[in-house]
Amino acid sequence: MLAGFVLFLLAIMASDFARRRVPNSLVLLGAAGALLALWPGAQPFGLGWAQALAGGGVAFGALLLCYALGLMGAGDVKFAGALGLWTGLAPLLFIWAVASVLAGLHAALWLALRRWPVAPRLFLALSSPRIARNGDGKRNTATPARKARHVPLAAYLAMATLIWIAGGRGSAPALAAPLY
């Protein structure tokens, strides 16, 4: 089941990096996989029903507030809920912290390249696909139908989860250990 979870994370990363969208079908597939893994006891991190549902509920609920404030897209929130079903509560703080650092670096680099266009191809790679370009390479000033999202948070949540898995899956990696 761990291989299926990793494939789910990679698919989320590919979709969010490429289109800044997390398809509902992919989120539902991941959530269904997490619930199916609980049935036969094949859950890769040894979670029970209560732990998985608590993780999914807390992850979804916490990020729902951010969505309500306009800070992220709905796909990020739904993915976080599915992610919580897989991981439970314990690693969520670590995953959110690592994803936030990665997303912050992405945003800082995007802002720097926007102000000082020394690497236009990198700027375009970091930008939302909704920023259309004119033939001369300048940004189209037409207002998009929806707010462009430049930071693929779901992709960074997935990446942080892969880091957590590589660091000792099922327990917080050394990076998340208290410093006392």
C-alpha atoms as a PDB file:
ATOM      1  CA  MET A   1       0.000   0.000   0.000  1.00  0.00           C
ATOM      2  CA  LEU A   2       2.922   2.356   0.567  1.00  0.00           C
ATOM      3  CA  ALA A   3       3.771   2.233  -3.138  1.00  0.00           C
ATOM      4  CA  GLY A   4       0.211   3.285  -4.005  1.00  0.00           C
ATOM      5  CA  PHE A   5       0.428   6.182  -1.545  1.00  0.00           C
ATOM      6  CA  VAL A   6       3.739   7.333  -3.033  1.00  0.00           C
ATOM      7  CA  LEU A   7       2.248   7.173  -6.543  1.00  0.00           C
ATOM      8  CA  PHE A   8      -0.684   9.265  -5.310  1.00  0.00           C
ATOM      9  CA  LEU A   9       1.727  11.869  -3.911  1.00  0.00           C
ATOM     10  CA  LEU A  10       3.709  11.959  -7.167  1.00  0.00           C
ATOM     11  CA  ALA A  11       0.508  12.403  -9.210  1.00  0.00           C
ATOM     12  CA  ILE A  12      -0.554  15.303  -6.961  1.00  0.00           C
ATOM     13  CA  MET A  13       2.862  16.915  -7.385  1.00  0.00           C
ATOM     14  CA  ALA A  14       2.803  16.527 -11.168  1.00  0.00           C
ATOM     15  CA  SER A  15      -0.690  17.986 -11.479  1.00  0.00           C
ATOM     16  CA  ASP A  16      -0.162  20.889  -9.100  1.00  0.00           C
ATOM     17  CA  PHE A  17       3.235  21.881 -10.517  1.00  0.00           C
ATOM     18  CA  ALA A  18       2.007  21.655 -14.121  1.00  0.00           C
ATOM     19  CA  ARG A  19      -1.450  23.238 -13.847  1.00  0.00           C
ATOM     20  CA  ARG A  20      -1.770  24.603 -10.304  1.00  0.00           C
ATOM     21  CA  ARG A  21      -4.812  22.367  -9.979  1.00  0.00           C
ATOM     22  CA  VAL A  22      -5.561  19.327  -7.878  1.00  0.00           C
ATOM     23  CA  PRO A  23      -8.293  17.334  -9.632  1.00  0.00           C
ATOM     24  CA  ASN A  24     -11.178  16.156  -7.460  1.00  0.00           C
ATOM     25  CA  SER A  25     -10.931  12.725  -9.073  1.00  0.00           C
ATOM     26  CA  LEU A  26      -7.346  12.372  -7.900  1.00  0.00           C
ATOM     27  CA  VAL A  27      -8.186  13.514  -4.361  1.00  0.00           C
ATOM     28  CA  LEU A  28     -11.127  11.095  -4.191  1.00  0.00           C
ATOM     29  CA  LEU A  29      -8.926   8.273  -5.439  1.00  0.00           C
ATOM     30  CA  GLY A  30      -6.361   9.047  -2.745  1.00  0.00           C
ATOM     31  CA  ALA A  31      -8.983   9.292   0.009  1.00  0.00           C
ATOM     32  CA  ALA A  32     -10.606   6.045  -1.124  1.00  0.00           C
ATOM     33  CA  GLY A  33      -7.190   4.360  -1.148  1.00  0.00           C
ATOM     34  CA  ALA A  34      -6.536   5.541   2.410  1.00  0.00           C
ATOM     35  CA  LEU A  35      -9.872   4.162   3.604  1.00  0.00           C
ATOM     36  CA  LEU A  36      -9.399   0.874   1.756  1.00  0.00           C
ATOM     37  CA  ALA A  37      -5.962   0.483   3.327  1.00  0.00           C
ATOM     38  CA  LEU A  38      -7.610   0.622   6.749  1.00  0.00           C
ATOM     39  CA  TRP A  39      -9.965  -2.267   6.070  1.00  0.00           C
ATOM     40  CA  PRO A  40      -7.608  -5.213   5.748  1.00  0.00           C
ATOM     41  CA  GLY A  41      -5.060  -3.719   8.113  1.00  0.00           C
ATOM     42  CA  ALA A  42      -2.729  -2.798   5.262  1.00  0.00           C
ATOM     43  CA  GLN A  43      -2.309   0.787   6.428  1.00  0.00           C
ATOM     44  CA  PRO A  44       1.381   1.551   5.789  1.00  0.00           C
ATOM     45  CA  PHE A  45       1.830   3.588   8.988  1.00  0.00           C
ATOM     46  CA  GLY A  46      -0.107   1.318  11.336  1.00  0.00           C
ATOM     47  CA  LEU A  47      -3.059   3.651  11.828  1.00  0.00           C
ATOM     48  CA  GLY A  48      -6.520   2.621  12.914  1.00  0.00           C
ATOM     49  CA  TRP A  49      -9.821   4.144  11.846  1.00  0.00           C
ATOM     50  CA  ALA A  50      -9.924   6.736  14.627  1.00  0.00           C
ATOM     51  CA  GLN A  51      -6.396   7.983  13.947  1.00  0.00           C
ATOM     52  CA  ALA A  52      -6.958   8.219  10.202  1.00  0.00           C
ATOM     53  CA  LEU A  53     -10.292  10.025  10.537  1.00  0.00           C
ATOM     54  CA  ALA A  54      -8.823  12.433  13.102  1.00  0.00           C
ATOM     55  CA  GLY A  55      -5.911  13.199  10.787  1.00  0.00           C
ATOM     56  CA  GLY A  56      -8.189  13.767   7.807  1.00  0.00           C
ATOM     57  CA  GLY A  57     -10.609  15.918   9.776  1.00  0.00           C
ATOM     58  CA  VAL A  58      -7.961  18.098  11.394  1.00  0.00           C
ATOM     59  CA  ALA A  59      -6.006  18.565   8.153  1.00  0.00           C
ATOM     60  CA  PHE A  60      -9.139  19.470   6.209  1.00  0.00           C
ATOM     61  CA  GLY A  61     -10.534  21.725   8.935  1.00  0.00           C
ATOM     62  CA  ALA A  62      -7.306  23.621   9.569  1.00  0.00           C
ATOM     63  CA  LEU A  63      -6.728  24.426   5.919  1.00  0.00           C
ATOM     64  CA  LEU A  64     -10.411  25.178   5.322  1.00  0.00           C
ATOM     65  CA  LEU A  65      -9.942  28.342   7.365  1.00  0.00           C
ATOM     66  CA  CYS A  66      -7.057  29.366   5.099  1.00  0.00           C
ATOM     67  CA  TYR A  67      -9.256  28.749   2.060  1.00  0.00           C
ATOM     68  CA  ALA A  68     -12.046  30.854   3.574  1.00  0.00           C
ATOM     69  CA  LEU A  69      -9.546  33.699   3.974  1.00  0.00           C
ATOM     70  CA  GLY A  70      -8.558  33.364   0.293  1.00  0.00           C
ATOM     71  CA  LEU A  71      -5.040  32.164   1.073  1.00  0.00           C
ATOM     72  CA  MET A  72      -5.185  28.905  -0.877  1.00  0.00           C
ATOM     73  CA  GLY A  73      -7.256  26.953  -3.336  1.00  0.00           C
ATOM     74  CA  ALA A  74      -9.913  24.385  -2.547  1.00  0.00           C
ATOM     75  CA  GLY A  75      -7.814  21.608  -4.072  1.00  0.00           C
ATOM     76  CA  ASP A  76      -5.099  22.184  -1.478  1.00  0.00           C
ATOM     77  CA  VAL A  77      -7.674  21.817   1.309  1.00  0.00           C
ATOM     78  CA  LYS A  78      -9.211  18.637  -0.118  1.00  0.00           C
ATOM     79  CA  PHE A  79      -5.782  17.124  -0.692  1.00  0.00           C
ATOM     80  CA  ALA A  80      -4.802  17.921   2.913  1.00  0.00           C
ATOM     81  CA  GLY A  81      -7.863  16.004   4.104  1.00  0.00           C
ATOM     82  CA  ALA A  82      -6.927  12.969   2.004  1.00  0.00           C
ATOM     83  CA  LEU A  83      -3.329  13.262   3.188  1.00  0.00           C
ATOM     84  CA  GLY A  84      -4.464  13.274   6.815  1.00  0.00           C
ATOM     85  CA  LEU A  85      -6.415  10.067   6.202  1.00  0.00           C
ATOM     86  CA  TRP A  86      -3.175   8.401   5.149  1.00  0.00           C
ATOM     87  CA  THR A  87      -0.846   9.823   7.813  1.00  0.00           C
ATOM     88  CA  GLY A  88      -3.005  10.549  10.850  1.00  0.00           C
ATOM     89  CA  LEU A  89      -2.378  13.480  13.198  1.00  0.00           C
ATOM     90  CA  ALA A  90       1.168  12.826  14.396  1.00  0.00           C
ATOM     91  CA  PRO A  91       3.181  13.917  11.334  1.00  0.00           C
ATOM     92  CA  LEU A  92       0.903  16.750  10.201  1.00  0.00           C
ATOM     93  CA  LEU A  93       2.781  19.518  12.004  1.00  0.00           C
ATOM     94  CA  PHE A  94       6.086  18.368  10.503  1.00  0.00           C
ATOM     95  CA  ILE A  95       4.552  18.057   7.021  1.00  0.00           C
ATOM     96  CA  TRP A  96       2.921  21.499   7.257  1.00  0.00           C
ATOM     97  CA  ALA A  97       6.129  23.101   8.510  1.00  0.00           C
ATOM     98  CA  VAL A  98       8.306  21.640   5.743  1.00  0.00           C
ATOM     99  CA  ALA A  99       5.689  22.421   3.075  1.00  0.00           C
ATOM    100  CA  SER A 100       5.392  25.982   4.370  1.00  0.00           C
ATOM    101  CA  VAL A 101       9.153  26.507   4.129  1.00  0.00           C
ATOM    102  CA  LEU A 102       9.204  25.097   0.581  1.00  0.00           C
ATOM    103  CA  ALA A 103       6.198  27.188  -0.445  1.00  0.00           C
ATOM    104  CA  GLY A 104       7.757  30.276   1.134  1.00  0.00           C
ATOM    105  CA  LEU A 105      10.982  29.739  -0.811  1.00  0.00           C
ATOM    106  CA  HIS A 106       8.933  29.312  -3.995  1.00  0.00           C
ATOM    107  CA  ALA A 107       7.043  32.559  -3.336  1.00  0.00           C
ATOM    108  CA  ALA A 108      10.203  34.500  -2.430  1.00  0.00           C
ATOM    109  CA  LEU A 109      11.987  33.332  -5.563  1.00  0.00           C
ATOM    110  CA  TRP A 110       8.931  34.147  -7.683  1.00  0.00           C
ATOM    111  CA  LEU A 111       8.715  37.656  -6.221  1.00  0.00           C
ATOM    112  CA  ALA A 112      12.442  38.253  -6.696  1.00  0.00           C
ATOM    113  CA  LEU A 113      12.343  37.095 -10.318  1.00  0.00           C
ATOM    114  CA  ARG A 114       9.251  39.190 -10.942  1.00  0.00           C
ATOM    115  CA  ARG A 115      11.058  42.283  -9.705  1.00  0.00           C
ATOM    116  CA  TRP A 116      14.444  41.462 -11.252  1.00  0.00           C
ATOM    117  CA  PRO A 117      13.813  39.359 -14.384  1.00  0.00           C
ATOM    118  CA  VAL A 118      17.249  37.757 -14.644  1.00  0.00           C
ATOM    119  CA  ALA A 119      15.872  34.287 -15.372  1.00  0.00           C
ATOM    120  CA  PRO A 120      12.597  34.634 -17.340  1.00  0.00           C
ATOM    121  CA  ARG A 121      12.233  30.891 -17.960  1.00  0.00           C
ATOM    122  CA  LEU A 122      12.501  30.138 -14.243  1.00  0.00           C
ATOM    123  CA  PHE A 123       9.986  32.897 -13.521  1.00  0.00           C
ATOM    124  CA  LEU A 124       7.535  31.311 -15.978  1.00  0.00           C
ATOM    125  CA  ALA A 125       8.102  27.871 -14.444  1.00  0.00           C
ATOM    126  CA  LEU A 126       7.311  29.260 -10.995  1.00  0.00           C
ATOM    127  CA  SER A 127       4.291  31.224 -12.240  1.00  0.00           C
ATOM    128  CA  SER A 128       0.739  30.088 -12.531  1.00  0.00           C
ATOM    129  CA  PRO A 129      -0.142  28.734 -15.991  1.00  0.00           C
ATOM    130  CA  ARG A 130      -2.982  31.287 -16.004  1.00  0.00           C
ATOM    131  CA  ILE A 131      -0.549  34.116 -16.595  1.00  0.00           C
ATOM    132  CA  ALA A 132      -0.828  34.302 -20.346  1.00  0.00           C
ATOM    133  CA  ARG A 133       2.023  35.737 -22.359  1.00  0.00           C
ATOM    134  CA  ASN A 134       1.766  37.915 -25.409  1.00  0.00           C
ATOM    135  CA  GLY A 135       3.860  37.140 -28.461  1.00  0.00           C
ATOM    136  CA  ASP A 136       6.580  39.538 -27.252  1.00  0.00           C
ATOM    137  CA  GLY A 137       6.917  37.678 -23.939  1.00  0.00           C
ATOM    138  CA  LYS A 138       5.244  40.347 -21.836  1.00  0.00           C
ATOM    139  CA  ARG A 139       2.592  39.440 -19.339  1.00  0.00           C
ATOM    140  CA  ASN A 140      -0.983  39.733 -20.553  1.00  0.00           C
ATOM    141  CA  THR A 141      -2.745  42.355 -18.439  1.00  0.00           C
ATOM    142  CA  ALA A 142      -6.219  40.929 -18.995  1.00  0.00           C
ATOM    143  CA  THR A 143      -7.799  39.939 -15.701  1.00  0.00           C
ATOM    144  CA  PRO A 144      -8.149  36.165 -15.415  1.00  0.00           C
ATOM    145  CA  ALA A 145     -11.516  34.689 -14.486  1.00  0.00           C
ATOM    146  CA  ARG A 146     -10.066  33.420 -11.195  1.00  0.00           C
ATOM    147  CA  LYS A 147      -7.197  34.596  -9.072  1.00  0.00           C
ATOM    148  CA  ALA A 148      -3.917  33.167 -10.317  1.00  0.00           C
ATOM    149  CA  ARG A 149      -2.218  30.904  -7.794  1.00  0.00           C
ATOM    150  CA  HIS A 150       1.541  30.903  -8.056  1.00  0.00           C
ATOM    151  CA  VAL A 151       2.460  28.588  -5.193  1.00  0.00           C
ATOM    152  CA  PRO A 152       1.479  24.924  -5.650  1.00  0.00           C
ATOM    153  CA  LEU A 153       0.894  24.162  -1.964  1.00  0.00           C
ATOM    154  CA  ALA A 154      -0.492  20.661  -2.538  1.00  0.00           C
ATOM    155  CA  ALA A 155       2.694  19.756  -4.388  1.00  0.00           C
ATOM    156  CA  TYR A 156       4.778  20.986  -1.478  1.00  0.00           C
ATOM    157  CA  LEU A 157       2.588  19.106   1.017  1.00  0.00           C
ATOM    158  CA  ALA A 158       3.167  15.962  -1.048  1.00  0.00           C
ATOM    159  CA  MET A 159       6.906  16.659  -1.213  1.00  0.00           C
ATOM    160  CA  ALA A 160       7.065  17.196   2.554  1.00  0.00           C
ATOM    161  CA  THR A 161       5.209  13.913   3.059  1.00  0.00           C
ATOM    162  CA  LEU A 162       7.783  12.110   0.928  1.00  0.00           C
ATOM    163  CA  ILE A 163      10.500  13.661   3.101  1.00  0.00           C
ATOM    164  CA  TRP A 164       8.639  12.425   6.201  1.00  0.00           C
ATOM    165  CA  ILE A 165       8.378   8.922   4.726  1.00  0.00           C
ATOM    166  CA  ALA A 166      12.089   8.883   3.821  1.00  0.00           C
ATOM    167  CA  GLY A 167      12.964  10.078   7.317  1.00  0.00           C
ATOM    168  CA  GLY A 168      11.424   7.138   9.118  1.00  0.00           C
ATOM    169  CA  ARG A 169       7.788   6.664   7.993  1.00  0.00           C
ATOM    170  CA  GLY A 170       5.425   6.173  10.819  1.00  0.00           C
ATOM    171  CA  SER A 171       7.432   8.274  13.241  1.00  0.00           C
ATOM    172  CA  ALA A 172       8.574  11.855  13.067  1.00  0.00           C
ATOM    173  CA  PRO A 173      11.980  12.119  11.409  1.00  0.00           C
ATOM    174  CA  ALA A 174      14.975  13.480  13.270  1.00  0.00           C
ATOM    175  CA  LEU A 175      14.263  16.947  11.850  1.00  0.00           C
ATOM    176  CA  ALA A 176      10.990  17.053  13.768  1.00  0.00           C
ATOM    177  CA  ALA A 177      12.475  15.905  17.089  1.00  0.00           C
ATOM    178  CA  PRO A 178      12.442  18.383  19.964  1.00  0.00           C
ATOM    179  CA  LEU A 179      15.660  20.295  20.466  1.00  0.00           C
ATOM    180  CA  TYR A 180      15.806  19.965  24.247  1.00  0.00           C
END
